[in-house]
Amino acid sequence: MKNITAAFKLILKGLNINLPENEYVENYTK
């Protein structure tokens, strides 16, 4: 799961999306 969260963060940063990464990751990790 750590790999998925890391990839998600990289994608969000790549798209320059200003969304709450913490909440996004928590929702997907649950």
Protein backbone atom coordinates (compact mmCIF):
# COMPACT_ATOMS: atom_id res chain seq x y z
CA MET A 1 0.00 0.00 0.00
CA LYS A 2 2.94 2.33 0.67
CA ASN A 3 3.91 2.13 -3.00
CA ILE A 4 0.39 3.17 -4.01
CA THR A 5 0.37 6.15 -1.66
CA ALA A 6 3.80 7.22 -2.88
CA ALA A 7 2.66 6.97 -6.50
CA PHE A 8 -0.48 8.97 -5.67
CA LYS A 9 1.59 11.75 -4.11
CA LEU A 10 3.87 11.85 -7.16
CA ILE A 11 0.83 12.04 -9.47
CA LEU A 12 -0.77 14.83 -7.41
CA LYS A 13 2.50 16.79 -7.42
CA GLY A 14 2.95 16.18 -11.15
CA LEU A 15 -0.53 17.54 -11.86
CA ASN A 16 0.11 20.45 -9.48
CA ILE A 17 -3.21 19.79 -7.76
CA ASN A 18 -3.67 21.79 -4.56
CA LEU A 19 -5.80 19.16 -2.84
CA PRO A 20 -5.29 17.94 0.75
CA GLU A 21 -2.95 15.01 0.04
CA ASN A 22 -3.27 13.71 3.61
CA GLU A 23 -7.05 13.36 3.41
CA TYR A 24 -6.83 11.94 -0.11
CA VAL A 25 -4.33 9.29 0.96
CA GLU A 26 -6.27 8.42 4.12
CA ASN A 27 -9.47 7.89 2.15
CA TYR A 28 -7.73 5.56 -0.30
CA THR A 29 -5.77 3.67 2.37
CA LYS A 30 -9.02 2.89 4.23
